[in-house]
N, C-alpha and C. Protein backbone atom coordinates (compact mmCIF):
# COMPACT_ATOMS: atom_id res chain seq x y z
N UNK A 1 73.37 112.02 132.35
CA UNK A 1 72.37 111.04 131.97
C UNK A 1 72.05 111.21 130.49
N UNK A 2 71.82 110.08 129.85
CA UNK A 2 71.38 110.16 128.46
C UNK A 2 69.97 109.58 128.35
N UNK A 3 69.40 109.73 127.19
CA UNK A 3 68.01 109.33 126.98
C UNK A 3 67.98 108.12 126.05
N UNK A 4 67.13 107.14 126.37
CA UNK A 4 66.96 105.95 125.55
C UNK A 4 66.38 106.37 124.19
N UNK A 5 67.00 105.92 123.09
CA UNK A 5 66.50 106.30 121.76
C UNK A 5 65.15 105.65 121.44
N UNK A 6 64.79 104.61 122.18
CA UNK A 6 63.55 103.90 121.88
C UNK A 6 62.36 104.42 122.68
N UNK A 7 62.53 104.52 124.04
CA UNK A 7 61.37 104.89 124.87
C UNK A 7 61.47 106.29 125.47
N UNK A 8 62.66 106.92 125.43
CA UNK A 8 62.80 108.27 125.93
C UNK A 8 63.09 108.39 127.41
N UNK A 9 63.23 107.28 128.14
CA UNK A 9 63.55 107.33 129.57
C UNK A 9 65.02 107.67 129.76
N UNK A 10 65.31 108.26 130.94
CA UNK A 10 66.69 108.57 131.28
C UNK A 10 67.40 107.27 131.67
N UNK A 11 68.62 107.09 131.13
CA UNK A 11 69.41 105.90 131.44
C UNK A 11 70.82 106.31 131.77
N UNK A 12 71.55 105.40 132.41
CA UNK A 12 72.94 105.63 132.78
C UNK A 12 73.79 105.79 131.51
N UNK A 13 74.83 106.63 131.60
CA UNK A 13 75.70 106.90 130.46
C UNK A 13 76.36 105.64 129.89
N UNK A 14 76.70 104.68 130.76
CA UNK A 14 77.42 103.49 130.33
C UNK A 14 76.51 102.30 130.06
N UNK A 15 75.20 102.49 130.13
CA UNK A 15 74.26 101.38 129.95
C UNK A 15 74.29 100.89 128.51
N UNK A 16 74.31 99.57 128.35
CA UNK A 16 74.26 98.98 127.02
C UNK A 16 72.83 98.72 126.59
N UNK A 17 71.93 98.58 127.57
CA UNK A 17 70.52 98.36 127.30
C UNK A 17 69.70 99.27 128.20
N UNK A 18 68.54 99.69 127.72
CA UNK A 18 67.63 100.50 128.53
C UNK A 18 67.00 99.60 129.59
N UNK A 19 67.04 99.99 130.89
CA UNK A 19 66.45 99.16 131.93
C UNK A 19 64.92 99.12 131.86
N UNK A 20 64.33 100.06 131.14
CA UNK A 20 62.86 100.12 131.06
C UNK A 20 62.34 99.29 129.89
N UNK A 21 62.85 99.56 128.68
CA UNK A 21 62.31 98.86 127.50
C UNK A 21 63.24 97.78 126.95
N UNK A 22 64.50 97.77 127.38
CA UNK A 22 65.44 96.74 126.94
C UNK A 22 66.11 97.03 125.60
N UNK A 23 65.87 98.21 125.03
CA UNK A 23 66.47 98.55 123.74
C UNK A 23 67.97 98.74 123.88
N UNK A 24 68.69 98.39 122.83
CA UNK A 24 70.13 98.56 122.81
C UNK A 24 70.45 100.05 122.67
N UNK A 25 71.43 100.51 123.44
CA UNK A 25 71.84 101.91 123.35
C UNK A 25 73.05 102.01 122.45
N UNK A 26 73.56 103.20 122.24
CA UNK A 26 74.75 103.39 121.40
C UNK A 26 75.93 102.63 121.95
N UNK A 27 76.08 102.54 123.28
CA UNK A 27 77.20 101.81 123.87
C UNK A 27 77.10 100.32 123.58
N UNK A 28 75.90 99.83 123.35
CA UNK A 28 75.72 98.42 123.06
C UNK A 28 76.20 98.04 121.69
N UNK A 29 76.48 99.01 120.85
CA UNK A 29 76.91 98.74 119.48
C UNK A 29 78.41 98.88 119.30
N UNK A 30 79.18 98.89 120.38
CA UNK A 30 80.63 99.06 120.28
C UNK A 30 81.26 98.02 119.38
N UNK A 31 80.85 96.75 119.52
CA UNK A 31 81.48 95.71 118.71
C UNK A 31 81.09 95.85 117.25
N UNK A 32 79.87 96.25 116.97
CA UNK A 32 79.49 96.42 115.57
C UNK A 32 80.17 97.64 114.96
N UNK A 33 80.42 98.67 115.76
CA UNK A 33 81.15 99.84 115.26
C UNK A 33 82.59 99.45 114.94
N UNK A 34 83.20 98.66 115.81
CA UNK A 34 84.57 98.19 115.56
C UNK A 34 84.60 97.29 114.33
N UNK A 35 83.59 96.43 114.20
CA UNK A 35 83.52 95.55 113.05
C UNK A 35 83.36 96.36 111.76
N UNK A 36 82.57 97.40 111.81
CA UNK A 36 82.39 98.26 110.63
C UNK A 36 83.70 98.95 110.27
N UNK A 37 84.47 99.38 111.28
CA UNK A 37 85.75 100.01 111.00
C UNK A 37 86.70 99.03 110.31
N UNK A 38 86.71 97.78 110.78
CA UNK A 38 87.55 96.76 110.16
C UNK A 38 87.10 96.50 108.73
N UNK A 39 85.79 96.37 108.52
CA UNK A 39 85.27 96.15 107.17
C UNK A 39 85.61 97.32 106.26
N UNK A 40 85.49 98.55 106.76
CA UNK A 40 85.84 99.72 105.96
C UNK A 40 87.32 99.72 105.60
N UNK A 41 88.19 99.33 106.55
CA UNK A 41 89.63 99.26 106.28
C UNK A 41 89.91 98.23 105.19
N UNK A 42 89.30 97.05 105.32
CA UNK A 42 89.53 95.98 104.33
C UNK A 42 89.04 96.43 102.96
N UNK A 43 87.86 97.06 102.91
CA UNK A 43 87.34 97.54 101.63
C UNK A 43 88.24 98.60 101.02
N UNK A 44 88.74 99.53 101.84
CA UNK A 44 89.65 100.56 101.34
C UNK A 44 90.96 99.94 100.86
N UNK A 45 91.46 98.94 101.59
CA UNK A 45 92.72 98.29 101.27
C UNK A 45 92.63 97.53 99.94
N UNK A 46 91.51 96.85 99.72
CA UNK A 46 91.37 96.03 98.52
C UNK A 46 90.68 96.75 97.37
N UNK A 47 90.26 97.98 97.57
CA UNK A 47 89.60 98.75 96.52
C UNK A 47 90.67 99.43 95.66
N UNK A 48 91.21 98.66 94.73
CA UNK A 48 92.27 99.16 93.86
C UNK A 48 91.76 99.23 92.43
N UNK A 49 92.56 99.81 91.56
CA UNK A 49 92.16 99.98 90.16
C UNK A 49 91.90 98.63 89.50
N UNK A 50 90.76 98.55 88.82
CA UNK A 50 90.36 97.33 88.12
C UNK A 50 90.38 97.62 86.62
N UNK A 51 91.30 96.99 85.91
CA UNK A 51 91.42 97.21 84.46
C UNK A 51 90.97 95.98 83.68
N UNK A 52 90.12 95.18 84.27
CA UNK A 52 89.67 93.94 83.63
C UNK A 52 89.01 94.17 82.28
N UNK A 53 88.33 95.30 82.11
CA UNK A 53 87.62 95.58 80.87
C UNK A 53 88.57 95.75 79.68
N UNK A 54 89.84 95.97 79.94
CA UNK A 54 90.82 96.15 78.86
C UNK A 54 91.24 94.83 78.22
N UNK A 55 90.84 93.70 78.79
CA UNK A 55 91.28 92.39 78.31
C UNK A 55 90.10 91.62 77.74
N UNK A 56 90.36 90.85 76.70
CA UNK A 56 89.29 90.09 76.08
C UNK A 56 88.94 88.87 76.94
N UNK A 57 87.70 88.44 76.82
CA UNK A 57 87.24 87.26 77.57
C UNK A 57 88.04 86.03 77.16
N UNK A 58 88.40 85.93 75.90
CA UNK A 58 89.18 84.78 75.42
C UNK A 58 90.58 84.77 76.04
N UNK A 59 91.21 85.94 76.10
CA UNK A 59 92.55 86.04 76.70
C UNK A 59 92.50 85.65 78.18
N UNK A 60 91.50 86.16 78.88
CA UNK A 60 91.36 85.85 80.31
C UNK A 60 91.14 84.37 80.52
N UNK A 61 90.21 83.78 79.77
CA UNK A 61 89.89 82.36 79.94
C UNK A 61 91.08 81.47 79.61
N UNK A 62 91.82 81.83 78.57
CA UNK A 62 92.95 81.00 78.13
C UNK A 62 94.17 81.13 79.03
N UNK A 63 94.26 82.20 79.81
CA UNK A 63 95.50 82.45 80.55
C UNK A 63 95.31 82.63 82.05
N UNK A 64 94.22 82.14 82.59
CA UNK A 64 94.00 82.23 84.04
C UNK A 64 95.09 81.49 84.82
N UNK A 65 95.45 80.31 84.36
CA UNK A 65 96.46 79.52 85.07
C UNK A 65 97.80 80.25 85.05
N UNK A 66 98.14 80.82 83.90
CA UNK A 66 99.39 81.59 83.80
C UNK A 66 99.36 82.77 84.76
N UNK A 67 98.22 83.43 84.85
CA UNK A 67 98.08 84.58 85.74
C UNK A 67 98.25 84.15 87.19
N UNK A 68 97.68 83.01 87.56
CA UNK A 68 97.80 82.51 88.93
C UNK A 68 99.25 82.18 89.25
N UNK A 69 99.95 81.56 88.31
CA UNK A 69 101.36 81.21 88.53
C UNK A 69 102.23 82.44 88.80
N UNK A 70 101.81 83.58 88.29
CA UNK A 70 102.58 84.83 88.45
C UNK A 70 102.82 85.20 89.91
N UNK A 71 101.95 84.76 90.79
CA UNK A 71 102.03 85.16 92.20
C UNK A 71 102.82 84.17 93.06
N UNK A 72 103.34 83.13 92.46
CA UNK A 72 104.05 82.10 93.22
C UNK A 72 105.56 82.25 93.04
N UNK A 73 106.11 83.24 93.70
CA UNK A 73 107.55 83.50 93.74
C UNK A 73 108.15 83.62 92.34
N UNK A 74 109.17 82.85 92.04
CA UNK A 74 109.86 82.95 90.75
C UNK A 74 109.03 82.46 89.57
N UNK A 75 107.88 81.87 89.83
CA UNK A 75 107.05 81.38 88.73
C UNK A 75 106.45 82.51 87.90
N UNK A 76 106.68 83.76 88.29
CA UNK A 76 106.24 84.87 87.44
C UNK A 76 106.93 84.81 86.09
N UNK A 77 108.04 84.08 86.01
CA UNK A 77 108.76 83.92 84.75
C UNK A 77 107.99 83.06 83.75
N UNK A 78 107.18 82.12 84.24
CA UNK A 78 106.46 81.20 83.35
C UNK A 78 105.54 81.97 82.40
N UNK A 79 104.65 82.84 82.89
CA UNK A 79 103.81 83.57 81.93
C UNK A 79 104.60 84.50 81.01
N UNK A 80 105.73 85.01 81.50
CA UNK A 80 106.54 85.88 80.64
C UNK A 80 107.12 85.11 79.47
N UNK A 81 107.42 83.84 79.69
CA UNK A 81 108.02 83.03 78.63
C UNK A 81 106.99 82.25 77.83
N UNK A 82 105.97 81.70 78.50
CA UNK A 82 105.02 80.82 77.83
C UNK A 82 103.80 81.54 77.27
N UNK A 83 103.47 82.71 77.80
CA UNK A 83 102.27 83.42 77.33
C UNK A 83 102.61 84.89 77.06
N UNK A 84 103.72 85.10 76.36
CA UNK A 84 104.18 86.48 76.17
C UNK A 84 103.26 87.32 75.28
N UNK A 85 102.38 86.69 74.52
CA UNK A 85 101.45 87.45 73.69
C UNK A 85 100.16 87.81 74.45
N UNK A 86 100.00 87.30 75.64
CA UNK A 86 98.77 87.55 76.41
C UNK A 86 98.92 88.79 77.28
N UNK A 87 98.16 89.84 76.99
CA UNK A 87 98.21 91.03 77.85
C UNK A 87 97.75 90.73 79.29
N UNK A 88 96.78 89.84 79.43
CA UNK A 88 96.27 89.48 80.77
C UNK A 88 97.37 88.79 81.59
N UNK A 89 98.06 87.84 80.98
CA UNK A 89 99.14 87.13 81.68
C UNK A 89 100.30 88.08 82.00
N UNK A 90 100.61 88.96 81.09
CA UNK A 90 101.69 89.93 81.32
C UNK A 90 101.34 90.90 82.45
N UNK A 91 100.07 91.30 82.51
CA UNK A 91 99.63 92.18 83.60
C UNK A 91 99.89 91.51 84.95
N UNK A 92 99.46 90.26 85.07
CA UNK A 92 99.64 89.54 86.33
C UNK A 92 101.11 89.20 86.59
N UNK A 93 101.89 88.98 85.53
CA UNK A 93 103.32 88.76 85.70
C UNK A 93 103.98 90.00 86.29
N UNK A 94 103.55 91.18 85.84
CA UNK A 94 104.07 92.43 86.41
C UNK A 94 103.74 92.50 87.90
N UNK A 95 102.51 92.17 88.26
CA UNK A 95 102.12 92.19 89.66
C UNK A 95 102.96 91.18 90.46
N UNK A 96 103.22 90.02 89.85
CA UNK A 96 104.04 89.00 90.49
C UNK A 96 105.48 89.43 90.69
N UNK A 97 106.03 90.17 89.72
CA UNK A 97 107.40 90.69 89.85
C UNK A 97 107.47 91.66 91.02
N UNK A 98 106.49 92.55 91.12
CA UNK A 98 106.46 93.50 92.23
C UNK A 98 106.39 92.78 93.56
N UNK A 99 105.55 91.77 93.63
CA UNK A 99 105.42 90.99 94.86
C UNK A 99 106.74 90.29 95.19
N UNK A 100 107.39 89.73 94.18
CA UNK A 100 108.67 89.06 94.39
C UNK A 100 109.73 90.02 94.92
N UNK A 101 109.76 91.23 94.39
CA UNK A 101 110.73 92.23 94.86
C UNK A 101 110.52 92.53 96.34
N UNK A 102 109.28 92.70 96.73
CA UNK A 102 108.98 92.97 98.15
C UNK A 102 109.37 91.76 99.01
N UNK A 103 109.15 90.55 98.50
CA UNK A 103 109.55 89.35 99.24
C UNK A 103 111.06 89.30 99.43
N UNK A 104 111.81 89.65 98.40
CA UNK A 104 113.27 89.65 98.49
C UNK A 104 113.74 90.67 99.52
N UNK A 105 113.11 91.84 99.54
CA UNK A 105 113.44 92.85 100.54
C UNK A 105 113.18 92.31 101.94
N UNK A 106 112.06 91.62 102.12
CA UNK A 106 111.73 91.03 103.42
C UNK A 106 112.76 90.00 103.86
N UNK A 107 113.20 89.18 102.93
CA UNK A 107 114.22 88.17 103.25
C UNK A 107 115.54 88.86 103.60
N UNK A 108 115.89 89.88 102.86
CA UNK A 108 117.15 90.61 103.13
C UNK A 108 117.12 91.25 104.51
N UNK A 109 115.97 91.77 104.90
CA UNK A 109 115.86 92.40 106.22
C UNK A 109 116.06 91.41 107.37
N UNK A 110 115.74 90.15 107.13
CA UNK A 110 115.89 89.18 108.22
C UNK A 110 117.34 88.94 108.61
N UNK A 111 118.28 89.43 107.81
CA UNK A 111 119.69 89.28 108.18
C UNK A 111 120.11 90.30 109.25
N UNK A 112 119.25 91.28 109.51
CA UNK A 112 119.52 92.28 110.55
C UNK A 112 118.91 91.75 111.86
N UNK A 113 119.71 91.56 112.89
CA UNK A 113 119.16 91.01 114.13
C UNK A 113 118.06 91.88 114.74
N UNK A 114 117.11 91.22 115.33
CA UNK A 114 116.00 91.79 116.11
C UNK A 114 115.06 92.64 115.26
N UNK A 115 115.43 93.87 114.94
CA UNK A 115 114.54 94.74 114.18
C UNK A 115 114.27 94.15 112.80
N UNK A 116 115.30 93.64 112.16
CA UNK A 116 115.15 93.04 110.84
C UNK A 116 114.29 91.79 110.89
N UNK A 117 114.42 91.02 111.96
CA UNK A 117 113.60 89.82 112.10
C UNK A 117 112.13 90.19 112.16
N UNK A 118 111.83 91.21 112.93
CA UNK A 118 110.44 91.66 113.06
C UNK A 118 109.95 92.23 111.73
N UNK A 119 110.74 93.10 111.12
CA UNK A 119 110.35 93.70 109.84
C UNK A 119 110.17 92.62 108.77
N UNK A 120 111.10 91.67 108.74
CA UNK A 120 111.00 90.58 107.77
C UNK A 120 109.76 89.75 107.97
N UNK A 121 109.42 89.47 109.22
CA UNK A 121 108.21 88.70 109.51
C UNK A 121 106.96 89.46 109.08
N UNK A 122 106.92 90.76 109.35
CA UNK A 122 105.76 91.57 108.96
C UNK A 122 105.63 91.65 107.44
N UNK A 123 106.76 91.79 106.76
CA UNK A 123 106.73 91.82 105.30
C UNK A 123 106.29 90.47 104.75
N UNK A 124 106.71 89.39 105.38
CA UNK A 124 106.30 88.05 104.95
C UNK A 124 104.78 87.89 105.08
N UNK A 125 104.23 88.36 106.17
CA UNK A 125 102.76 88.31 106.35
C UNK A 125 102.08 89.16 105.29
N UNK A 126 102.60 90.37 105.08
CA UNK A 126 102.04 91.29 104.09
C UNK A 126 102.06 90.68 102.69
N UNK A 127 103.19 90.09 102.29
CA UNK A 127 103.29 89.52 100.95
C UNK A 127 102.40 88.28 100.80
N UNK A 128 102.22 87.55 101.88
CA UNK A 128 101.31 86.39 101.82
C UNK A 128 99.89 86.86 101.56
N UNK A 129 99.47 87.92 102.24
CA UNK A 129 98.14 88.48 102.02
C UNK A 129 98.01 88.97 100.57
N UNK A 130 99.02 89.68 100.08
CA UNK A 130 98.98 90.17 98.70
C UNK A 130 98.97 89.02 97.70
N UNK A 131 99.70 87.95 97.99
CA UNK A 131 99.72 86.79 97.11
C UNK A 131 98.32 86.18 97.01
N UNK A 132 97.64 86.05 98.13
CA UNK A 132 96.29 85.49 98.14
C UNK A 132 95.34 86.39 97.35
N UNK A 133 95.44 87.69 97.56
CA UNK A 133 94.59 88.64 96.83
C UNK A 133 94.85 88.52 95.32
N UNK A 134 96.11 88.46 94.93
CA UNK A 134 96.46 88.35 93.52
C UNK A 134 95.96 87.06 92.89
N UNK A 135 96.12 85.95 93.60
CA UNK A 135 95.65 84.66 93.08
C UNK A 135 94.13 84.68 92.93
N UNK A 136 93.43 85.21 93.91
CA UNK A 136 91.97 85.29 93.82
C UNK A 136 91.54 86.18 92.66
N UNK A 137 92.21 87.30 92.46
CA UNK A 137 91.88 88.17 91.33
C UNK A 137 92.10 87.44 90.01
N UNK A 138 93.23 86.76 89.86
CA UNK A 138 93.51 86.03 88.63
C UNK A 138 92.51 84.91 88.41
N UNK A 139 92.20 84.18 89.46
CA UNK A 139 91.23 83.08 89.36
C UNK A 139 89.85 83.59 88.93
N UNK A 140 89.48 84.77 89.42
CA UNK A 140 88.18 85.36 89.07
C UNK A 140 88.21 86.14 87.76
N UNK A 141 89.34 86.11 87.06
CA UNK A 141 89.44 86.77 85.77
C UNK A 141 89.50 88.28 85.86
N UNK A 142 90.00 88.79 86.96
CA UNK A 142 90.09 90.24 87.15
C UNK A 142 91.53 90.70 87.01
N UNK A 143 91.67 91.90 86.55
CA UNK A 143 92.99 92.53 86.46
C UNK A 143 92.98 93.72 87.43
N UNK A 144 93.04 93.39 88.72
CA UNK A 144 93.04 94.42 89.76
C UNK A 144 94.44 94.56 90.32
N UNK A 145 94.83 95.80 90.57
CA UNK A 145 96.14 96.06 91.16
C UNK A 145 96.21 95.51 92.57
N UNK A 146 97.39 95.03 92.94
CA UNK A 146 97.62 94.64 94.33
C UNK A 146 97.62 95.91 95.18
N UNK A 147 97.10 95.84 96.40
CA UNK A 147 97.13 97.03 97.26
C UNK A 147 98.57 97.50 97.51
N UNK A 148 98.75 98.78 97.55
CA UNK A 148 99.99 99.50 97.86
C UNK A 148 101.03 99.39 96.75
N UNK A 149 101.38 98.19 96.31
CA UNK A 149 102.49 98.04 95.35
C UNK A 149 102.04 97.91 93.91
N UNK A 150 100.78 97.63 93.66
CA UNK A 150 100.31 97.27 92.33
C UNK A 150 100.31 98.35 91.29
N UNK A 151 100.42 99.59 91.69
CA UNK A 151 100.34 100.69 90.71
C UNK A 151 101.63 100.86 89.92
N UNK A 152 102.71 100.22 90.33
CA UNK A 152 103.99 100.35 89.64
C UNK A 152 104.03 99.38 88.46
N UNK A 153 104.68 99.81 87.37
CA UNK A 153 104.81 98.98 86.18
C UNK A 153 106.28 98.73 85.87
N UNK A 154 106.63 97.46 85.76
CA UNK A 154 107.97 97.08 85.38
C UNK A 154 107.95 96.59 83.93
N UNK A 155 106.90 95.83 83.60
CA UNK A 155 106.71 95.39 82.21
C UNK A 155 105.35 95.86 81.74
N UNK A 156 105.21 96.04 80.46
CA UNK A 156 103.92 96.46 79.89
C UNK A 156 103.25 95.31 79.19
């Protein structure tokens, strides 16, 4: 038997509410505990290095569109060619190149029957999530690394 945290009466181990006072017990918070775990995972996943302070406000404002284009497959080439003097655009182009490489690996894996199909599908979902994160970072004028792959540098 456990004790109600609100009124101190003895209650059943599996009770979600105290039968005497109606207070929620620890078992009644299972969904909020699971929700907190999910929120903690998402926060840990998206809590990557933010180097936004290294870029000028003018550079960020002038090259947001170029930065966004970096995450759309081969369009990472556009900022490399059209905004090569912009450190902000080059940063996001690097992130876009990394994302593109992972996408190519995912497509290559789909040529392997069964296991490759599953792996390719999972990588496709993963890269879609990273693409959305990258686009949102660029739109908000942030230079945050993509989770897992963003710490690598191909271009400076």
